[in-house]
Amino acid sequence: MALRRKFSFVLRGYARKWCEEIDEEMVRVKLLQELVAGGRTVKAAAAA
């Protein structure tokens, strides 16, 4: 059982890291889309 718990914590850590990376990538992509579309200026987009 102890071995399962260790894997559980490891997998939770990986899942958290992957979710954070996906969130960061989505923010980056949204910023690029807005810049290409001309929706906001660079300063306004960076402040959001």
Protein backbone atom coordinates (compact mmCIF):
# COMPACT_ATOMS: atom_id res chain seq x y z
CA MET A 1 0.00 0.00 0.00
CA ALA A 2 2.80 2.45 0.80
CA LEU A 3 4.09 2.09 -2.74
CA ARG A 4 0.69 3.08 -4.16
CA ARG A 5 0.65 6.22 -2.05
CA LYS A 6 4.06 7.26 -3.32
CA PHE A 7 2.89 6.86 -6.90
CA SER A 8 -0.25 8.80 -6.10
CA PHE A 9 1.76 11.78 -4.83
CA VAL A 10 4.11 11.59 -7.79
CA LEU A 11 1.24 11.46 -10.27
CA ARG A 12 -0.49 14.37 -8.55
CA GLY A 13 2.69 16.37 -8.85
CA TYR A 14 3.00 15.59 -12.55
CA ALA A 15 -0.68 16.38 -13.14
CA ARG A 16 -0.32 19.72 -11.35
CA LYS A 17 2.78 20.57 -13.38
CA TRP A 18 1.11 19.63 -16.66
CA CYS A 19 -1.99 21.67 -15.82
CA GLU A 20 0.15 24.70 -15.00
CA GLU A 21 2.06 24.33 -18.27
CA ILE A 22 -1.18 24.03 -20.23
CA ASP A 23 -2.59 27.13 -18.51
CA GLU A 24 0.57 29.10 -19.31
CA GLU A 25 0.47 27.97 -22.93
CA MET A 26 -3.20 28.94 -23.25
CA VAL A 27 -2.42 32.43 -21.93
CA ARG A 28 0.45 32.72 -24.43
CA VAL A 29 -1.70 31.56 -27.34
CA LYS A 30 -4.53 33.91 -26.39
CA LEU A 31 -2.09 36.81 -26.23
CA LEU A 32 -0.72 35.95 -29.67
CA GLN A 33 -4.23 35.64 -31.11
CA GLU A 34 -5.17 39.05 -29.74
CA LEU A 35 -2.00 40.63 -31.09
CA VAL A 36 -2.56 39.15 -34.54
CA ALA A 37 -6.20 40.21 -34.53
CA GLY A 38 -5.22 43.71 -33.40
CA GLY A 39 -7.58 43.55 -30.44
CA ARG A 40 -5.26 45.11 -27.87
CA THR A 41 -1.91 46.79 -27.63
CA VAL A 42 1.08 44.90 -26.27
CA LYS A 43 1.07 46.83 -22.97
CA ALA A 44 -2.65 46.28 -22.35
CA ALA A 45 -2.39 42.58 -23.15
CA ALA A 46 0.61 42.13 -20.86
CA ALA A 47 -1.21 43.86 -18.00
CA ALA A 48 -4.20 41.50 -18.24
